[in-house]
């Protein structure tokens, strides 16, 4: 059980908008055209994108290295799906 599908869908939409407007935003910033930047969609700003777990959609405890939450990462490591990790015992 993870995040609501509408929340994850909204975040995916933001990611697509950021990619679509990246070049335009860069040119407007270099030109110093702040009014032009204001006219772009709000969700085209990369600041509005939230890092979420790719499997559950969980927003907190996100591990950038794996792209998933700490809970999913731990499960995957214990199942042996992540190379280079093994359960320690001493």
PDB file of N, CA and C in Angstrom:
ATOM      1  N   UNK A   1       0.845  -1.190   0.000  1.00  0.00           N
ATOM      2  CA  UNK A   1       0.000   0.000   0.000  1.00  0.00           C
ATOM      3  C   UNK A   1       0.881   1.240   0.000  1.00  0.00           C
ATOM      4  N   UNK A   2       0.644   2.112  -0.918  1.00  0.00           N
ATOM      5  CA  UNK A   2       1.472   3.305  -1.030  1.00  0.00           C
ATOM      6  C   UNK A   2       0.634   4.556  -1.076  1.00  0.00           C
ATOM      7  N   UNK A   3       1.151   5.536  -1.761  1.00  0.00           N
ATOM      8  CA  UNK A   3       0.463   6.817  -1.884  1.00  0.00           C
ATOM      9  C   UNK A   3      -0.734   6.675  -2.822  1.00  0.00           C
ATOM     10  N   UNK A   4      -1.653   7.624  -2.723  1.00  0.00           N
ATOM     11  CA  UNK A   4      -2.805   7.642  -3.623  1.00  0.00           C
ATOM     12  C   UNK A   4      -2.306   7.786  -5.058  1.00  0.00           C
ATOM     13  N   UNK A   5      -2.993   7.144  -5.972  1.00  0.00           N
ATOM     14  CA  UNK A   5      -2.546   7.179  -7.368  1.00  0.00           C
ATOM     15  C   UNK A   5      -2.646   8.578  -7.951  1.00  0.00           C
ATOM     16  N   UNK A   6      -3.606   9.373  -7.482  1.00  0.00           N
ATOM     17  CA  UNK A   6      -3.744  10.737  -8.003  1.00  0.00           C
ATOM     18  C   UNK A   6      -2.529  11.584  -7.639  1.00  0.00           C
ATOM     19  N   UNK A   7      -1.967  11.356  -6.462  1.00  0.00           N
ATOM     20  CA  UNK A   7      -0.804  12.125  -6.002  1.00  0.00           C
ATOM     21  C   UNK A   7       0.422  11.768  -6.836  1.00  0.00           C
ATOM     22  N   UNK A   8       0.628  10.474  -7.072  1.00  0.00           N
ATOM     23  CA  UNK A   8       1.783  10.056  -7.868  1.00  0.00           C
ATOM     24  C   UNK A   8       1.617  10.486  -9.324  1.00  0.00           C
ATOM     25  N   UNK A   9       0.380  10.456  -9.825  1.00  0.00           N
ATOM     26  CA  UNK A   9       0.123  10.882 -11.206  1.00  0.00           C
ATOM     27  C   UNK A   9       0.412  12.374 -11.363  1.00  0.00           C
ATOM     28  N   UNK A  10       0.028  13.155 -10.369  1.00  0.00           N
ATOM     29  CA  UNK A  10       0.280  14.601 -10.393  1.00  0.00           C
ATOM     30  C   UNK A  10       1.775  14.881 -10.422  1.00  0.00           C
ATOM     31  N   UNK A  11       2.530  14.111  -9.639  1.00  0.00           N
ATOM     32  CA  UNK A  11       3.981  14.294  -9.602  1.00  0.00           C
ATOM     33  C   UNK A  11       4.615  13.912 -10.942  1.00  0.00           C
ATOM     34  N   UNK A  12       4.110  12.846 -11.573  1.00  0.00           N
ATOM     35  CA  UNK A  12       4.621  12.444 -12.883  1.00  0.00           C
ATOM     36  C   UNK A  12       4.341  13.521 -13.920  1.00  0.00           C
ATOM     37  N   UNK A  13       3.179  14.144 -13.820  1.00  0.00           N
ATOM     38  CA  UNK A  13       2.814  15.221 -14.726  1.00  0.00           C
ATOM     39  C   UNK A  13       3.786  16.397 -14.563  1.00  0.00           C
ATOM     40  N   UNK A  14       4.147  16.693 -13.311  1.00  0.00           N
ATOM     41  CA  UNK A  14       5.112  17.763 -13.036  1.00  0.00           C
ATOM     42  C   UNK A  14       6.463  17.450 -13.659  1.00  0.00           C
ATOM     43  N   UNK A  15       6.895  16.201 -13.540  1.00  0.00           N
ATOM     44  CA  UNK A  15       8.186  15.796 -14.098  1.00  0.00           C
ATOM     45  C   UNK A  15       8.196  16.008 -15.611  1.00  0.00           C
ATOM     46  N   UNK A  16       7.095  15.659 -16.276  1.00  0.00           N
ATOM     47  CA  UNK A  16       6.995  15.860 -17.726  1.00  0.00           C
ATOM     48  C   UNK A  16       7.017  17.340 -18.087  1.00  0.00           C
ATOM     49  N   UNK A  17       6.320  18.172 -17.299  1.00  0.00           N
ATOM     50  CA  UNK A  17       6.295  19.611 -17.559  1.00  0.00           C
ATOM     51  C   UNK A  17       7.674  20.234 -17.373  1.00  0.00           C
ATOM     52  N   UNK A  18       8.395  19.792 -16.359  1.00  0.00           N
ATOM     53  CA  UNK A  18       9.747  20.307 -16.117  1.00  0.00           C
ATOM     54  C   UNK A  18      10.633  19.995 -17.313  1.00  0.00           C
ATOM     55  N   UNK A  19      10.537  18.767 -17.829  1.00  0.00           N
ATOM     56  CA  UNK A  19      11.344  18.376 -18.982  1.00  0.00           C
ATOM     57  C   UNK A  19      10.968  19.181 -20.222  1.00  0.00           C
ATOM     58  N   UNK A  20       9.658  19.423 -20.404  1.00  0.00           N
ATOM     59  CA  UNK A  20       9.185  20.137 -21.590  1.00  0.00           C
ATOM     60  C   UNK A  20       9.642  21.595 -21.601  1.00  0.00           C
ATOM     61  N   UNK A  21       9.628  22.244 -20.435  1.00  0.00           N
ATOM     62  CA  UNK A  21       9.923  23.672 -20.368  1.00  0.00           C
ATOM     63  C   UNK A  21      11.356  23.989 -19.931  1.00  0.00           C
ATOM     64  N   UNK A  22      12.201  22.977 -19.757  1.00  0.00           N
ATOM     65  CA  UNK A  22      13.553  23.197 -19.235  1.00  0.00           C
ATOM     66  C   UNK A  22      14.353  24.176 -20.093  1.00  0.00           C
ATOM     67  N   UNK A  23      14.346  23.963 -21.398  1.00  0.00           N
ATOM     68  CA  UNK A  23      15.121  24.816 -22.303  1.00  0.00           C
ATOM     69  C   UNK A  23      14.585  26.249 -22.304  1.00  0.00           C
ATOM     70  N   UNK A  24      13.262  26.374 -22.339  1.00  0.00           N
ATOM     71  CA  UNK A  24      12.633  27.694 -22.358  1.00  0.00           C
ATOM     72  C   UNK A  24      12.932  28.454 -21.057  1.00  0.00           C
ATOM     73  N   UNK A  25      12.851  27.752 -19.917  1.00  0.00           N
ATOM     74  CA  UNK A  25      13.148  28.370 -18.620  1.00  0.00           C
ATOM     75  C   UNK A  25      14.594  28.859 -18.569  1.00  0.00           C
ATOM     76  N   UNK A  26      15.503  28.032 -19.118  1.00  0.00           N
ATOM     77  CA  UNK A  26      16.926  28.375 -19.116  1.00  0.00           C
ATOM     78  C   UNK A  26      17.174  29.656 -19.911  1.00  0.00           C
ATOM     79  N   UNK A  27      16.552  29.757 -21.095  1.00  0.00           N
ATOM     80  CA  UNK A  27      16.727  30.938 -21.933  1.00  0.00           C
ATOM     81  C   UNK A  27      16.144  32.188 -21.269  1.00  0.00           C
ATOM     82  N   UNK A  28      14.972  32.054 -20.653  1.00  0.00           N
ATOM     83  CA  UNK A  28      14.341  33.199 -19.992  1.00  0.00           C
ATOM     84  C   UNK A  28      15.178  33.671 -18.800  1.00  0.00           C
ATOM     85  N   UNK A  29      15.747  32.730 -18.063  1.00  0.00           N
ATOM     86  CA  UNK A  29      16.590  33.096 -16.914  1.00  0.00           C
ATOM     87  C   UNK A  29      17.847  33.814 -17.365  1.00  0.00           C
ATOM     88  N   UNK A  30      18.481  33.324 -18.450  1.00  0.00           N
ATOM     89  CA  UNK A  30      19.689  33.966 -18.961  1.00  0.00           C
ATOM     90  C   UNK A  30      19.397  35.382 -19.452  1.00  0.00           C
ATOM     91  N   UNK A  31      18.224  35.564 -20.043  1.00  0.00           N
ATOM     92  CA  UNK A  31      17.832  36.885 -20.549  1.00  0.00           C
ATOM     93  C   UNK A  31      17.361  37.808 -19.424  1.00  0.00           C
ATOM     94  N   UNK A  32      17.058  37.229 -18.266  1.00  0.00           N
ATOM     95  CA  UNK A  32      16.555  38.024 -17.145  1.00  0.00           C
ATOM     96  C   UNK A  32      15.096  38.433 -17.324  1.00  0.00           C
ATOM     97  N   UNK A  33      14.372  37.690 -18.122  1.00  0.00           N
ATOM     98  CA  UNK A  33      12.949  37.987 -18.386  1.00  0.00           C
ATOM     99  C   UNK A  33      12.087  37.326 -17.316  1.00  0.00           C
ATOM    100  N   UNK A  34      11.946  38.004 -16.182  1.00  0.00           N
ATOM    101  CA  UNK A  34      11.196  37.437 -15.051  1.00  0.00           C
ATOM    102  C   UNK A  34       9.697  37.418 -15.322  1.00  0.00           C
ATOM    103  N   UNK A  35       9.205  38.366 -16.122  1.00  0.00           N
ATOM    104  CA  UNK A  35       7.781  38.367 -16.466  1.00  0.00           C
ATOM    105  C   UNK A  35       7.448  37.150 -17.336  1.00  0.00           C
ATOM    106  N   UNK A  36       8.355  36.819 -18.245  1.00  0.00           N
ATOM    107  CA  UNK A  36       8.158  35.643 -19.093  1.00  0.00           C
ATOM    108  C   UNK A  36       8.152  34.359 -18.284  1.00  0.00           C
ATOM    109  N   UNK A  37       9.034  34.311 -17.270  1.00  0.00           N
ATOM    110  CA  UNK A  37       9.063  33.137 -16.387  1.00  0.00           C
ATOM    111  C   UNK A  37       7.764  33.008 -15.607  1.00  0.00           C
ATOM    112  N   UNK A  38       7.193  34.146 -15.193  1.00  0.00           N
ATOM    113  CA  UNK A  38       5.949  34.136 -14.431  1.00  0.00           C
ATOM    114  C   UNK A  38       4.792  33.564 -15.249  1.00  0.00           C
ATOM    115  N   UNK A  39       4.860  33.729 -16.578  1.00  0.00           N
ATOM    116  CA  UNK A  39       3.774  33.279 -17.443  1.00  0.00           C
ATOM    117  C   UNK A  39       3.813  31.778 -17.732  1.00  0.00           C
ATOM    118  N   UNK A  40       4.940  31.140 -17.441  1.00  0.00           N
ATOM    119  CA  UNK A  40       5.031  29.694 -17.633  1.00  0.00           C
ATOM    120  C   UNK A  40       4.185  28.982 -16.572  1.00  0.00           C
ATOM    121  N   UNK A  41       3.788  27.728 -16.832  1.00  0.00           N
ATOM    122  CA  UNK A  41       3.013  26.985 -15.827  1.00  0.00           C
ATOM    123  C   UNK A  41       3.807  26.812 -14.533  1.00  0.00           C
ATOM    124  N   UNK A  42       3.115  26.902 -13.410  1.00  0.00           N
ATOM    125  CA  UNK A  42       3.784  26.759 -12.111  1.00  0.00           C
ATOM    126  C   UNK A  42       4.478  25.416 -11.978  1.00  0.00           C
ATOM    127  N   UNK A  43       3.815  24.373 -12.461  1.00  0.00           N
ATOM    128  CA  UNK A  43       4.365  23.029 -12.314  1.00  0.00           C
ATOM    129  C   UNK A  43       5.543  22.751 -13.247  1.00  0.00           C
ATOM    130  N   UNK A  44       5.944  23.727 -14.049  1.00  0.00           N
ATOM    131  CA  UNK A  44       7.126  23.531 -14.889  1.00  0.00           C
ATOM    132  C   UNK A  44       8.411  23.878 -14.130  1.00  0.00           C
ATOM    133  N   UNK A  45       8.262  24.341 -12.898  1.00  0.00           N
ATOM    134  CA  UNK A  45       9.422  24.646 -12.070  1.00  0.00           C
ATOM    135  C   UNK A  45       9.944  23.366 -11.416  1.00  0.00           C
ATOM    136  N   UNK A  46      11.243  23.082 -11.518  1.00  0.00           N
ATOM    137  CA  UNK A  46      11.773  21.842 -10.935  1.00  0.00           C
ATOM    138  C   UNK A  46      11.654  21.768  -9.418  1.00  0.00           C
ATOM    139  N   UNK A  47      11.470  22.901  -8.771  1.00  0.00           N
ATOM    140  CA  UNK A  47      11.348  22.925  -7.311  1.00  0.00           C
ATOM    141  C   UNK A  47      10.067  22.230  -6.848  1.00  0.00           C
ATOM    142  N   UNK A  48       9.052  22.209  -7.704  1.00  0.00           N
ATOM    143  CA  UNK A  48       7.758  21.646  -7.330  1.00  0.00           C
ATOM    144  C   UNK A  48       7.685  20.124  -7.430  1.00  0.00           C
ATOM    145  N   UNK A  49       8.716  19.510  -8.008  1.00  0.00           N
ATOM    146  CA  UNK A  49       8.741  18.054  -8.122  1.00  0.00           C
ATOM    147  C   UNK A  49       9.178  17.463  -6.793  1.00  0.00           C
ATOM    148  N   UNK A  50       8.481  16.409  -6.361  1.00  0.00           N
ATOM    149  CA  UNK A  50       8.779  15.754  -5.086  1.00  0.00           C
ATOM    150  C   UNK A  50       9.403  14.398  -5.371  1.00  0.00           C
ATOM    151  N   UNK A  51      10.524  14.103  -4.728  1.00  0.00           N
ATOM    152  CA  UNK A  51      11.123  12.777  -4.874  1.00  0.00           C
ATOM    153  C   UNK A  51      10.216  11.759  -4.208  1.00  0.00           C
ATOM    154  N   UNK A  52       9.787  10.775  -4.979  1.00  0.00           N
ATOM    155  CA  UNK A  52       8.904   9.736  -4.460  1.00  0.00           C
ATOM    156  C   UNK A  52       9.437   8.365  -4.834  1.00  0.00           C
ATOM    157  N   UNK A  53       9.104   7.380  -4.008  1.00  0.00           N
ATOM    158  CA  UNK A  53       9.481   5.996  -4.265  1.00  0.00           C
ATOM    159  C   UNK A  53       8.841   5.551  -5.571  1.00  0.00           C
ATOM    160  N   UNK A  54       9.627   4.923  -6.444  1.00  0.00           N
ATOM    161  CA  UNK A  54       9.114   4.503  -7.743  1.00  0.00           C
ATOM    162  C   UNK A  54       8.163   3.315  -7.631  1.00  0.00           C
ATOM    163  N   UNK A  55       8.190   2.614  -6.514  1.00  0.00           N
ATOM    164  CA  UNK A  55       7.335   1.436  -6.347  1.00  0.00           C
ATOM    165  C   UNK A  55       6.069   1.774  -5.550  1.00  0.00           C
ATOM    166  N   UNK A  56       6.238   2.400  -4.387  1.00  0.00           N
ATOM    167  CA  UNK A  56       5.078   2.664  -3.527  1.00  0.00           C
ATOM    168  C   UNK A  56       4.556   4.086  -3.619  1.00  0.00           C
ATOM    169  N   UNK A  57       5.393   5.027  -4.079  1.00  0.00           N
ATOM    170  CA  UNK A  57       4.978   6.431  -4.136  1.00  0.00           C
ATOM    171  C   UNK A  57       5.199   7.165  -2.834  1.00  0.00           C
ATOM    172  N   UNK A  58       5.843   6.515  -1.872  1.00  0.00           N
ATOM    173  CA  UNK A  58       6.083   7.125  -0.563  1.00  0.00           C
ATOM    174  C   UNK A  58       6.998   8.344  -0.699  1.00  0.00           C
ATOM    175  N   UNK A  59       6.592   9.506  -0.119  1.00  0.00           N
ATOM    176  CA  UNK A  59       7.391  10.719  -0.276  1.00  0.00           C
ATOM    177  C   UNK A  59       8.536  10.860   0.723  1.00  0.00           C
ATOM    178  N   UNK A  60       8.435  10.199   1.861  1.00  0.00           N
ATOM    179  CA  UNK A  60       9.475  10.344   2.887  1.00  0.00           C
ATOM    180  C   UNK A  60      10.382   9.127   2.925  1.00  0.00           C
ATOM    181  N   UNK A  61      11.592   9.332   3.411  1.00  0.00           N
ATOM    182  CA  UNK A  61      12.548   8.233   3.496  1.00  0.00           C
ATOM    183  C   UNK A  61      13.025   7.782   2.128  1.00  0.00           C
ATOM    184  N   UNK A  62      13.110   8.734   1.179  1.00  0.00           N
ATOM    185  CA  UNK A  62      13.504   8.436  -0.197  1.00  0.00           C
ATOM    186  C   UNK A  62      15.022   8.353  -0.297  1.00  0.00           C
ATOM    187  N   UNK A  63      15.520   7.296  -0.925  1.00  0.00           N
ATOM    188  CA  UNK A  63      16.953   7.126  -1.119  1.00  0.00           C
ATOM    189  C   UNK A  63      17.281   7.386  -2.584  1.00  0.00           C
ATOM    190  N   UNK A  64      17.993   8.460  -2.859  1.00  0.00           N
ATOM    191  CA  UNK A  64      18.294   8.856  -4.239  1.00  0.00           C
ATOM    192  C   UNK A  64      19.072   7.788  -4.989  1.00  0.00           C
ATOM    193  N   UNK A  65      19.996   7.151  -4.299  1.00  0.00           N
ATOM    194  CA  UNK A  65      20.854   6.156  -4.943  1.00  0.00           C
ATOM    195  C   UNK A  65      20.041   5.030  -5.587  1.00  0.00           C
ATOM    196  N   UNK A  66      18.929   4.662  -4.958  1.00  0.00           N
ATOM    197  CA  UNK A  66      18.116   3.557  -5.450  1.00  0.00           C
ATOM    198  C   UNK A  66      16.808   4.008  -6.100  1.00  0.00           C
ATOM    199  N   UNK A  67      16.360   5.221  -5.808  1.00  0.00           N
ATOM    200  CA  UNK A  67      15.109   5.716  -6.374  1.00  0.00           C
ATOM    201  C   UNK A  67      13.873   5.159  -5.701  1.00  0.00           C
ATOM    202  N   UNK A  68      14.063   4.582  -4.510  1.00  0.00           N
ATOM    203  CA  UNK A  68      12.941   4.017  -3.761  1.00  0.00           C
ATOM    204  C   UNK A  68      13.030   4.465  -2.303  1.00  0.00           C
ATOM    205  N   UNK A  69      11.984   4.155  -1.535  1.00  0.00           N
ATOM    206  CA  UNK A  69      11.986   4.518  -0.123  1.00  0.00           C
ATOM    207  C   UNK A  69      12.863   3.550   0.664  1.00  0.00           C
ATOM    208  N   UNK A  70      13.182   3.926   1.868  1.00  0.00           N
ATOM    209  CA  UNK A  70      14.061   3.101   2.719  1.00  0.00           C
ATOM    210  C   UNK A  70      13.440   1.732   2.978  1.00  0.00           C
ATOM    211  N   UNK A  71      12.118   1.674   3.080  1.00  0.00           N
ATOM    212  CA  UNK A  71      11.423   0.420   3.378  1.00  0.00           C
ATOM    213  C   UNK A  71      11.547  -0.546   2.202  1.00  0.00           C
ATOM    214  N   UNK A  72      11.286  -0.047   0.999  1.00  0.00           N
ATOM    215  CA  UNK A  72      11.387  -0.878  -0.202  1.00  0.00           C
ATOM    216  C   UNK A  72      12.838  -1.278  -0.435  1.00  0.00           C
ATOM    217  N   UNK A  73      13.765  -0.337  -0.212  1.00  0.00           N
ATOM    218  CA  UNK A  73      15.190  -0.636  -0.391  1.00  0.00           C
ATOM    219  C   UNK A  73      15.614  -1.776   0.523  1.00  0.00           C
ATOM    220  N   UNK A  74      15.177  -1.737   1.761  1.00  0.00           N
ATOM    221  CA  UNK A  74      15.533  -2.789   2.720  1.00  0.00           C
ATOM    222  C   UNK A  74      14.973  -4.138   2.266  1.00  0.00           C
ATOM    223  N   UNK A  75      13.716  -4.150   1.817  1.00  0.00           N
ATOM    224  CA  UNK A  75      13.105  -5.397   1.340  1.00  0.00           C
ATOM    225  C   UNK A  75      13.880  -5.963   0.153  1.00  0.00           C
ATOM    226  N   UNK A  76      14.238  -5.097  -0.801  1.00  0.00           N
ATOM    227  CA  UNK A  76      14.952  -5.525  -2.003  1.00  0.00           C
ATOM    228  C   UNK A  76      16.343  -6.062  -1.659  1.00  0.00           C
ATOM    229  N   UNK A  77      17.003  -5.396  -0.707  1.00  0.00           N
ATOM    230  CA  UNK A  77      18.340  -5.836  -0.293  1.00  0.00           C
ATOM    231  C   UNK A  77      18.261  -7.193   0.389  1.00  0.00           C
ATOM    232  N   UNK A  78      17.283  -7.372   1.278  1.00  0.00           N
ATOM    233  CA  UNK A  78      17.149  -8.644   1.995  1.00  0.00           C
ATOM    234  C   UNK A  78      16.772  -9.788   1.054  1.00  0.00           C
ATOM    235  N   UNK A  79      16.035  -9.491  -0.003  1.00  0.00           N
ATOM    236  CA  UNK A  79      15.675 -10.517  -0.983  1.00  0.00           C
ATOM    237  C   UNK A  79      16.827 -10.830  -1.931  1.00  0.00           C
ATOM    238  N   UNK A  80      17.883  -9.986  -1.899  1.00  0.00           N
ATOM    239  CA  UNK A  80      19.052 -10.217  -2.735  1.00  0.00           C
ATOM    240  C   UNK A  80      18.926  -9.640  -4.131  1.00  0.00           C
ATOM    241  N   UNK A  81      18.010  -8.685  -4.329  1.00  0.00           N
ATOM    242  CA  UNK A  81      17.811  -8.079  -5.645  1.00  0.00           C
ATOM    243  C   UNK A  81      18.791  -6.945  -5.934  1.00  0.00           C
ATOM    244  N   UNK A  82      19.514  -6.487  -4.905  1.00  0.00           N
ATOM    245  CA  UNK A  82      20.459  -5.386  -5.086  1.00  0.00           C
ATOM    246  C   UNK A  82      21.871  -5.954  -4.942  1.00  0.00           C
ATOM    247  N   UNK A  83      22.671  -5.917  -6.010  1.00  0.00           N
ATOM    248  CA  UNK A  83      24.021  -6.481  -5.917  1.00  0.00           C
ATOM    249  C   UNK A  83      24.929  -5.648  -5.013  1.00  0.00           C
ATOM    250  N   UNK A  84      25.829  -6.333  -4.323  1.00  0.00           N
ATOM    251  CA  UNK A  84      26.803  -5.647  -3.486  1.00  0.00           C
ATOM    252  C   UNK A  84      26.373  -5.496  -2.040  1.00  0.00           C
ATOM    253  N   UNK A  85      25.178  -5.947  -1.694  1.00  0.00           N
ATOM    254  CA  UNK A  85      24.693  -5.847  -0.319  1.00  0.00           C
ATOM    255  C   UNK A  85      24.386  -7.231   0.198  1.00  0.00           C
ATOM    256  N   UNK A  86      24.696  -7.441   1.482  1.00  0.00           N
ATOM    257  CA  UNK A  86      24.267  -8.674   2.110  1.00  0.00           C
ATOM    258  C   UNK A  86      24.035  -8.407   3.589  1.00  0.00           C
ATOM    259  N   UNK A  87      23.204  -9.218   4.187  1.00  0.00           N
ATOM    260  CA  UNK A  87      22.849  -9.047   5.588  1.00  0.00           C
ATOM    261  C   UNK A  87      24.068  -9.340   6.440  1.00  0.00           C
ATOM    262  N   UNK A  88      24.376  -8.411   7.338  1.00  0.00           N
ATOM    263  CA  UNK A  88      25.560  -8.592   8.169  1.00  0.00           C
ATOM    264  C   UNK A  88      25.237  -9.469   9.385  1.00  0.00           C
ATOM    265  N   UNK A  89      26.221 -10.223   9.819  1.00  0.00           N
ATOM    266  CA  UNK A  89      26.077 -10.991  11.039  1.00  0.00           C
ATOM    267  C   UNK A  89      27.465 -11.146  11.663  1.00  0.00           C
ATOM    268  N   UNK A  90      27.548 -10.974  12.954  1.00  0.00           N
ATOM    269  CA  UNK A  90      28.831 -11.117  13.642  1.00  0.00           C
ATOM    270  C   UNK A  90      28.686 -11.699  15.007  1.00  0.00           C
TER     271      UNK A  90
END
